[in-house]
Amino acid sequence: MKLGLMTEFDAAHSLPGYKGKCARLHGHTYQVEMVVEGQVGEEGFVLDFYQLKKILATALQDLDHSFLNELLPNPTAETIALWISDRLKKELEETPVRLFSLKLWEGKNKWVMID
């Protein structure tokens, strides 16, 4: 069975070497959707949504209201999504679920997805 959770964070970045407006410092409200997969346990849950929410918050805590270039040399939507995915996989290691997919929106109508 699959469970999903969405949240947002705000951050600024610039794209070094990019030829265009995004080379300059600017910010976005990013939206993250994670989907995990697992079996329904004896308690009737795949994973408690409260626990899933804490895991996602922990994975994103270094990104919210940050300058992403301090974490990633080239913080494109793709590299940010990969960074989040790696963090989530580590956070989920002690749970009975695995990361099924991750979708990251950079502002409105623009997204990348890892599945």
C-alpha atoms as a PDB file:
ATOM      1  CA  MET A   1       0.000   0.000   0.000  1.00  0.00           C
ATOM      2  CA  LYS A   2       1.179   3.549  -0.643  1.00  0.00           C
ATOM      3  CA  LEU A   3       0.972   6.620   1.605  1.00  0.00           C
ATOM      4  CA  GLY A   4       1.589  10.178   0.487  1.00  0.00           C
ATOM      5  CA  LEU A   5       2.407  13.422   2.224  1.00  0.00           C
ATOM      6  CA  MET A   6       2.964  16.950   0.953  1.00  0.00           C
ATOM      7  CA  THR A   7       4.609  19.982   2.521  1.00  0.00           C
ATOM      8  CA  GLU A   8       6.315  23.234   1.523  1.00  0.00           C
ATOM      9  CA  PHE A   9       9.538  25.058   2.245  1.00  0.00           C
ATOM     10  CA  ASP A  10      10.935  28.405   1.142  1.00  0.00           C
ATOM     11  CA  ALA A  11      14.511  28.849  -0.051  1.00  0.00           C
ATOM     12  CA  ALA A  12      16.737  31.004  -2.234  1.00  0.00           C
ATOM     13  CA  HIS A  13      19.320  29.993  -4.810  1.00  0.00           C
ATOM     14  CA  SER A  14      21.178  31.037  -7.908  1.00  0.00           C
ATOM     15  CA  LEU A  15      22.315  28.869 -10.792  1.00  0.00           C
ATOM     16  CA  PRO A  16      26.036  29.365 -11.407  1.00  0.00           C
ATOM     17  CA  GLY A  17      27.003  29.267 -15.068  1.00  0.00           C
ATOM     18  CA  TYR A  18      23.397  29.506 -16.225  1.00  0.00           C
ATOM     19  CA  LYS A  19      22.756  32.001 -19.023  1.00  0.00           C
ATOM     20  CA  GLY A  20      19.570  33.753 -17.965  1.00  0.00           C
ATOM     21  CA  LYS A  21      17.656  35.371 -15.110  1.00  0.00           C
ATOM     22  CA  CYS A  22      18.042  32.362 -12.824  1.00  0.00           C
ATOM     23  CA  ALA A  23      21.777  33.002 -12.590  1.00  0.00           C
ATOM     24  CA  ARG A  24      20.847  35.811 -10.180  1.00  0.00           C
ATOM     25  CA  LEU A  25      19.801  35.261  -6.594  1.00  0.00           C
ATOM     26  CA  HIS A  26      16.079  34.479  -6.339  1.00  0.00           C
ATOM     27  CA  GLY A  27      13.707  32.425  -4.216  1.00  0.00           C
ATOM     28  CA  HIS A  28      10.908  29.900  -4.501  1.00  0.00           C
ATOM     29  CA  THR A  29       8.258  28.269  -2.425  1.00  0.00           C
ATOM     30  CA  TYR A  30       9.012  24.622  -3.062  1.00  0.00           C
ATOM     31  CA  GLN A  31       6.395  21.936  -2.590  1.00  0.00           C
ATOM     32  CA  VAL A  32       7.446  18.367  -1.820  1.00  0.00           C
ATOM     33  CA  GLU A  33       5.294  15.289  -2.253  1.00  0.00           C
ATOM     34  CA  MET A  34       6.658  12.016  -0.950  1.00  0.00           C
ATOM     35  CA  VAL A  35       5.066   8.613  -1.451  1.00  0.00           C
ATOM     36  CA  VAL A  36       6.139   5.622   0.618  1.00  0.00           C
ATOM     37  CA  GLU A  37       5.223   1.989   0.162  1.00  0.00           C
ATOM     38  CA  GLY A  38       4.794  -0.802   2.695  1.00  0.00           C
ATOM     39  CA  GLN A  39       2.484  -3.395   4.172  1.00  0.00           C
ATOM     40  CA  VAL A  40      -0.315  -2.720   6.624  1.00  0.00           C
ATOM     41  CA  GLY A  41       0.947  -3.763  10.059  1.00  0.00           C
ATOM     42  CA  GLU A  42      -0.842  -5.306  13.023  1.00  0.00           C
ATOM     43  CA  GLU A  43      -1.877  -1.838  14.262  1.00  0.00           C
ATOM     44  CA  GLY A  44      -3.700  -1.192  10.984  1.00  0.00           C
ATOM     45  CA  PHE A  45      -1.113   1.315   9.695  1.00  0.00           C
ATOM     46  CA  VAL A  46       1.496   1.185   6.979  1.00  0.00           C
ATOM     47  CA  LEU A  47       3.132   4.016   8.933  1.00  0.00           C
ATOM     48  CA  ASP A  48       1.492   6.576  11.205  1.00  0.00           C
ATOM     49  CA  PHE A  49       1.061   9.872   9.313  1.00  0.00           C
ATOM     50  CA  TYR A  50       2.419  11.689  12.375  1.00  0.00           C
ATOM     51  CA  GLN A  51       5.665   9.716  12.113  1.00  0.00           C
ATOM     52  CA  LEU A  52       5.819  10.264   8.348  1.00  0.00           C
ATOM     53  CA  LYS A  53       5.350  14.011   8.857  1.00  0.00           C
ATOM     54  CA  LYS A  54       8.234  14.092  11.376  1.00  0.00           C
ATOM     55  CA  ILE A  55      10.491  12.175   8.953  1.00  0.00           C
ATOM     56  CA  LEU A  56       9.768  14.593   6.116  1.00  0.00           C
ATOM     57  CA  ALA A  57      10.303  17.627   8.376  1.00  0.00           C
ATOM     58  CA  THR A  58      13.656  16.241   9.529  1.00  0.00           C
ATOM     59  CA  ALA A  59      14.760  15.608   5.948  1.00  0.00           C
ATOM     60  CA  LEU A  60      13.855  19.172   4.919  1.00  0.00           C
ATOM     61  CA  GLN A  61      15.008  21.098   8.004  1.00  0.00           C
ATOM     62  CA  ASP A  62      18.297  22.246   6.425  1.00  0.00           C
ATOM     63  CA  LEU A  63      16.513  23.557   3.318  1.00  0.00           C
ATOM     64  CA  ASP A  64      13.777  25.753   4.769  1.00  0.00           C
ATOM     65  CA  HIS A  65      14.632  29.464   4.590  1.00  0.00           C
ATOM     66  CA  SER A  66      18.167  28.687   3.430  1.00  0.00           C
ATOM     67  CA  PHE A  67      20.488  29.712   0.633  1.00  0.00           C
ATOM     68  CA  LEU A  68      20.620  26.418  -1.267  1.00  0.00           C
ATOM     69  CA  ASN A  69      24.000  27.168  -2.857  1.00  0.00           C
ATOM     70  CA  GLU A  70      25.545  26.649   0.578  1.00  0.00           C
ATOM     71  CA  LEU A  71      24.360  23.009   0.479  1.00  0.00           C
ATOM     72  CA  LEU A  72      24.591  22.205  -3.230  1.00  0.00           C
ATOM     73  CA  PRO A  73      27.068  23.605  -5.761  1.00  0.00           C
ATOM     74  CA  ASN A  74      24.402  23.791  -8.497  1.00  0.00           C
ATOM     75  CA  PRO A  75      20.965  23.743  -6.839  1.00  0.00           C
ATOM     76  CA  THR A  76      18.712  22.914  -9.774  1.00  0.00           C
ATOM     77  CA  ALA A  77      15.325  21.346  -9.080  1.00  0.00           C
ATOM     78  CA  GLU A  78      16.840  18.014 -10.107  1.00  0.00           C
ATOM     79  CA  THR A  79      19.783  18.164  -7.699  1.00  0.00           C
ATOM     80  CA  ILE A  80      17.560  19.407  -4.868  1.00  0.00           C
ATOM     81  CA  ALA A  81      15.157  16.487  -5.437  1.00  0.00           C
ATOM     82  CA  LEU A  82      18.045  14.000  -5.401  1.00  0.00           C
ATOM     83  CA  TRP A  83      19.371  15.540  -2.167  1.00  0.00           C
ATOM     84  CA  ILE A  84      15.935  15.278  -0.524  1.00  0.00           C
ATOM     85  CA  SER A  85      15.521  11.707  -1.762  1.00  0.00           C
ATOM     86  CA  ASP A  86      18.848  10.671  -0.235  1.00  0.00           C
ATOM     87  CA  ARG A  87      17.916  12.255   3.095  1.00  0.00           C
ATOM     88  CA  LEU A  88      14.488  10.599   3.125  1.00  0.00           C
ATOM     89  CA  LYS A  89      15.930   7.180   2.351  1.00  0.00           C
ATOM     90  CA  LYS A  90      18.253   7.515   5.351  1.00  0.00           C
ATOM     91  CA  GLU A  91      15.405   8.691   7.603  1.00  0.00           C
ATOM     92  CA  LEU A  92      13.217   5.772   6.475  1.00  0.00           C
ATOM     93  CA  GLU A  93      15.832   3.070   7.148  1.00  0.00           C
ATOM     94  CA  GLU A  94      14.431   2.310  10.620  1.00  0.00           C
ATOM     95  CA  THR A  95      10.820   2.095   9.402  1.00  0.00           C
ATOM     96  CA  PRO A  96       8.879  -0.660   7.626  1.00  0.00           C
ATOM     97  CA  VAL A  97       8.412   1.472   4.474  1.00  0.00           C
ATOM     98  CA  ARG A  98      10.522   2.507   1.507  1.00  0.00           C
ATOM     99  CA  LEU A  99      10.469   5.684  -0.559  1.00  0.00           C
ATOM    100  CA  PHE A 100       8.360   5.010  -3.643  1.00  0.00           C
ATOM    101  CA  SER A 101       8.509   8.436  -5.295  1.00  0.00           C
ATOM    102  CA  LEU A 102       9.346  12.057  -4.662  1.00  0.00           C
ATOM    103  CA  LYS A 103       7.970  15.059  -6.522  1.00  0.00           C
ATOM    104  CA  LEU A 104       9.402  18.551  -6.089  1.00  0.00           C
ATOM    105  CA  TRP A 105       7.638  21.654  -7.394  1.00  0.00           C
ATOM    106  CA  GLU A 106       9.749  24.757  -7.936  1.00  0.00           C
ATOM    107  CA  GLY A 107       7.077  27.416  -7.610  1.00  0.00           C
ATOM    108  CA  LYS A 108       3.869  26.796  -9.546  1.00  0.00           C
ATOM    109  CA  ASN A 109       3.495  24.436 -12.485  1.00  0.00           C
ATOM    110  CA  LYS A 110       7.138  23.270 -12.621  1.00  0.00           C
ATOM    111  CA  TRP A 111       8.212  19.982 -11.068  1.00  0.00           C
ATOM    112  CA  VAL A 112      10.653  17.109 -11.156  1.00  0.00           C
ATOM    113  CA  MET A 113       9.915  13.569 -10.040  1.00  0.00           C
ATOM    114  CA  ILE A 114      11.993  10.644  -8.829  1.00  0.00           C
ATOM    115  CA  ASP A 115      10.358   7.244  -8.957  1.00  0.00           C
END
